[in-house]
Every structure is written in C-alpha cells, then in structure tokens.
Amino acid sequence: MPALAVRLIQLIEKHAEDLSRELSEKVWSAPQCSDLRKVPSDELEARTREIYRNLSDWLLHKTEDQLARRYTELGATRVQQGVGYSHFFWAITATKEHVRAFIDREGLADNAMELNGKLELLQMLDHFFDRALYYAAVGYDQERNRVGSQNRRRKSDHQALPR
C-alpha cells in the first residue's frame, strides 16, 4: 500500500473520536435515518468508532467471512431494533462520505504516486462499505424471514386451536 494511503489510514484512526462525534452531530438527527433513534446513542457512536478506529484492520486484515459475519449480525440486530433498511443504508453511506471528506481535506497529494495512493485508499473504502451494505442487507433479509416464519407459525397455531 502506498505511503500516503497508510498515513491517511493512521490519521483517520488517530481522529476516530472526533470523526465519530462530528458524524453524530451531523447525521444521526437527519430525517433520512430517524429510525436510528431507536438505537442507543452510545451504541451508534461505538459502531462508528469501530469502523474509524480499526480502519486498517477492516481494509487490510479482516477476511471476507469476518466482514460477512459482523455486518450480517448488525443487519439482523437493526431489524430487531425496528430500524428500516433505508435508514441504515443512509447512515452507512453518510459514514463513508464523512471519511471520504476527511481524506479529501487531509490527503493532499504532492505527486502522482501519492495521488495514486489516495485513489487506491478511496477505492478500498468504497469496496469495504459496499460489502458492509451487502452483508447487512443479507442480515436484514434473514431476520425478516425468521420473524415472518415465526409469525406464520403462530398464526397457524392460533387457527388450529379448538373453539
């Protein structure tokens, strides 16, 4: 990985608290993700910090299975909390846009190699967030199917009771 990309990742991880706080102030009160008010605010901030503070792990070291497991579970949890997928999607997209804006502010490239490193990092971020959204959608679908089949069983059990 190019040196500028590594420096930017380290800078993001160093500023994880500030980035999380800024995102919380800007985003969580937006109507596009109002369902997230059902989630405790400390949990939302912890999830955001998890991404920012451990960005190098997420981008370089986590396996596809680890990413799938983490975000499938998160999608299922958000269903249980009553958060609509569109609200979750908007929040994850805002998280990505927030870190990209930070990179644009801080990642001034002085030459073609550094510009290439910055572009490579942005591509890796896009890939990570796209996969996170996909696996969260899988978690949403699985949890909705599980809840739907439980509701169908309850309904059929109720109909089978003698009157």
Protein backbone atom coordinates (compact mmCIF):
# COMPACT_ATOMS: atom_id res chain seq x y z
CA MET A 1 0.00 0.00 0.00
CA PRO A 2 1.37 3.45 -0.89
CA ALA A 3 2.80 5.57 1.93
CA LEU A 4 0.15 8.32 1.66
CA ALA A 5 -2.65 5.76 1.99
CA VAL A 6 -1.01 4.32 5.12
CA ARG A 7 -0.58 7.81 6.61
CA LEU A 8 -4.21 8.67 5.87
CA ILE A 9 -5.46 5.47 7.50
CA GLN A 10 -3.34 6.20 10.57
CA LEU A 11 -4.68 9.76 10.63
CA ILE A 12 -8.28 8.51 10.43
CA GLU A 13 -7.64 6.04 13.25
CA LYS A 14 -5.99 8.79 15.32
CA HIS A 15 -9.01 11.08 14.83
CA ALA A 16 -11.65 8.36 15.28
CA GLU A 17 -13.23 10.07 18.30
CA ASP A 18 -13.54 13.43 16.53
CA LEU A 19 -14.82 11.85 13.32
CA SER A 20 -17.43 9.86 15.26
CA ARG A 21 -18.58 12.90 17.22
CA GLU A 22 -18.80 15.06 14.07
CA LEU A 23 -20.78 12.36 12.29
CA SER A 24 -23.13 12.02 15.27
CA GLU A 25 -23.78 15.75 15.33
CA LYS A 26 -24.43 15.96 11.58
CA VAL A 27 -26.13 12.73 10.71
CA TRP A 28 -28.00 10.89 13.42
CA SER A 29 -30.63 13.62 13.71
CA ALA A 30 -31.28 13.66 9.95
CA PRO A 31 -34.75 12.52 8.87
CA GLN A 32 -33.21 10.02 6.43
CA CYS A 33 -32.02 7.94 9.38
CA SER A 34 -34.59 8.82 12.04
CA ASP A 35 -35.18 5.12 12.78
CA LEU A 36 -31.70 5.05 14.30
CA ARG A 37 -33.13 6.99 17.26
CA LYS A 38 -34.42 3.57 18.36
CA VAL A 39 -30.79 2.50 18.86
CA PRO A 40 -28.98 3.75 21.98
CA SER A 41 -26.72 6.67 21.00
CA ASP A 42 -23.71 5.13 22.72
CA GLU A 43 -24.14 2.02 20.54
CA LEU A 44 -24.23 4.13 17.36
CA GLU A 45 -21.12 6.03 18.35
CA ALA A 46 -19.35 2.79 19.28
CA ARG A 47 -20.12 1.29 15.85
CA THR A 48 -18.82 4.39 14.09
CA ARG A 49 -15.68 4.46 16.22
CA GLU A 50 -15.22 0.74 15.50
CA ILE A 51 -15.00 1.49 11.79
CA TYR A 52 -12.81 4.57 12.07
CA ARG A 53 -10.51 3.33 14.86
CA ASN A 54 -9.90 -0.05 13.23
CA LEU A 55 -9.90 1.03 9.61
CA SER A 56 -6.58 -0.60 8.77
CA ASP A 57 -7.87 -3.92 10.12
CA TRP A 58 -11.10 -3.66 8.16
CA LEU A 59 -9.32 -2.72 4.95
CA LEU A 60 -6.22 -4.89 5.14
CA HIS A 61 -6.61 -7.77 7.58
CA LYS A 62 -10.23 -8.80 8.06
CA THR A 63 -11.35 -11.72 5.93
CA GLU A 64 -14.49 -11.76 3.84
CA ASP A 65 -16.01 -14.18 6.38
CA GLN A 66 -15.30 -11.78 9.26
CA LEU A 67 -16.85 -8.89 7.37
CA ALA A 68 -19.86 -11.03 6.40
CA ARG A 69 -20.38 -12.22 9.97
CA ARG A 70 -20.07 -8.74 11.51
CA TYR A 71 -22.42 -6.97 9.12
CA THR A 72 -24.93 -9.80 8.75
CA GLU A 73 -25.27 -9.76 12.55
CA LEU A 74 -25.56 -5.96 12.54
CA GLY A 75 -28.30 -6.07 9.89
CA ALA A 76 -30.26 -8.63 11.93
CA THR A 77 -29.83 -6.52 15.08
CA ARG A 78 -31.15 -3.42 13.34
CA VAL A 79 -34.26 -5.34 12.23
CA GLN A 80 -34.82 -6.39 15.84
CA GLN A 81 -34.46 -2.74 16.87
CA GLY A 82 -37.04 -1.65 14.28
CA VAL A 83 -34.62 0.24 12.03
CA GLY A 84 -35.67 0.30 8.38
CA TYR A 85 -33.03 -0.72 5.86
CA SER A 86 -33.24 2.62 4.03
CA HIS A 87 -32.34 4.41 7.29
CA PHE A 88 -29.44 2.01 7.91
CA PHE A 89 -28.28 2.39 4.31
CA TRP A 90 -28.33 6.18 4.57
CA ALA A 91 -26.32 6.11 7.82
CA ILE A 92 -23.63 3.80 6.40
CA THR A 93 -23.42 5.92 3.26
CA ALA A 94 -23.09 9.06 5.39
CA THR A 95 -20.31 7.35 7.38
CA LYS A 96 -18.47 6.61 4.15
CA GLU A 97 -18.98 10.14 2.82
CA HIS A 98 -17.74 11.60 6.11
CA VAL A 99 -14.47 9.66 5.99
CA ARG A 100 -14.04 10.48 2.29
CA ALA A 101 -14.43 14.20 3.07
CA PHE A 102 -11.78 13.84 5.77
CA ILE A 103 -9.45 12.18 3.27
CA ASP A 104 -10.10 14.96 0.77
CA ARG A 105 -9.26 17.58 3.42
CA GLU A 106 -6.19 15.86 4.81
CA GLY A 107 -4.85 13.86 1.90
CA LEU A 108 -3.17 16.39 -0.30
CA ALA A 109 -1.13 14.53 -2.86
CA ASP A 110 2.12 16.20 -3.92
CA ASN A 111 2.89 13.87 -6.80
CA ALA A 112 1.44 11.16 -8.99
CA MET A 113 2.48 8.35 -6.62
CA GLU A 114 0.71 9.99 -3.67
CA LEU A 115 -2.35 10.69 -5.80
CA ASN A 116 -2.36 7.03 -6.78
CA GLY A 117 -2.17 6.06 -3.09
CA LYS A 118 -5.08 8.32 -2.21
CA LEU A 119 -7.16 6.89 -5.07
CA GLU A 120 -6.28 3.35 -4.01
CA LEU A 121 -7.43 4.11 -0.45
CA LEU A 122 -10.70 5.61 -1.71
CA GLN A 123 -11.28 2.50 -3.82
CA MET A 124 -10.62 0.25 -0.82
CA LEU A 125 -13.07 2.30 1.26
CA ASP A 126 -15.75 2.03 -1.42
CA HIS A 127 -15.22 -1.72 -1.60
CA PHE A 128 -15.42 -2.10 2.20
CA PHE A 129 -18.59 -0.02 2.57
CA ASP A 130 -20.27 -1.70 -0.42
CA ARG A 131 -19.63 -5.13 1.06
CA ALA A 132 -20.75 -3.96 4.51
CA LEU A 133 -24.05 -2.79 3.00
CA TYR A 134 -24.47 -6.05 1.10
CA TYR A 135 -23.91 -8.22 4.17
CA ALA A 136 -26.15 -6.00 6.29
CA ALA A 137 -28.88 -6.46 3.66
CA VAL A 138 -28.37 -10.23 3.95
CA GLY A 139 -28.80 -9.91 7.72
CA TYR A 140 -31.95 -7.83 7.24
CA ASP A 141 -33.40 -10.43 4.85
CA GLN A 142 -32.54 -13.37 7.09
CA GLU A 143 -34.01 -11.74 10.18
CA ARG A 144 -37.18 -10.65 8.40
CA ASN A 145 -37.63 -14.19 7.04
CA ARG A 146 -37.05 -15.65 10.51
CA VAL A 147 -39.57 -13.28 12.11
CA GLY A 148 -42.04 -13.82 9.26
CA SER A 149 -41.90 -17.61 9.59
CA GLN A 150 -42.38 -17.33 13.37
CA ASN A 151 -45.42 -15.12 12.81
CA ARG A 152 -46.84 -17.57 10.25
CA ARG A 153 -46.35 -20.46 12.71
CA ARG A 154 -48.09 -18.51 15.48
CA LYS A 155 -50.97 -17.67 13.17
CA SER A 156 -51.36 -21.31 12.07
CA ASP A 157 -51.10 -22.49 15.69
CA HIS A 158 -53.77 -19.99 16.70
CA GLN A 159 -56.06 -21.11 13.87
CA ALA A 160 -55.60 -24.76 14.86
CA LEU A 161 -56.88 -24.20 18.42
CA PRO A 162 -60.37 -25.59 19.07
CA ARG A 163 -63.07 -23.01 19.54
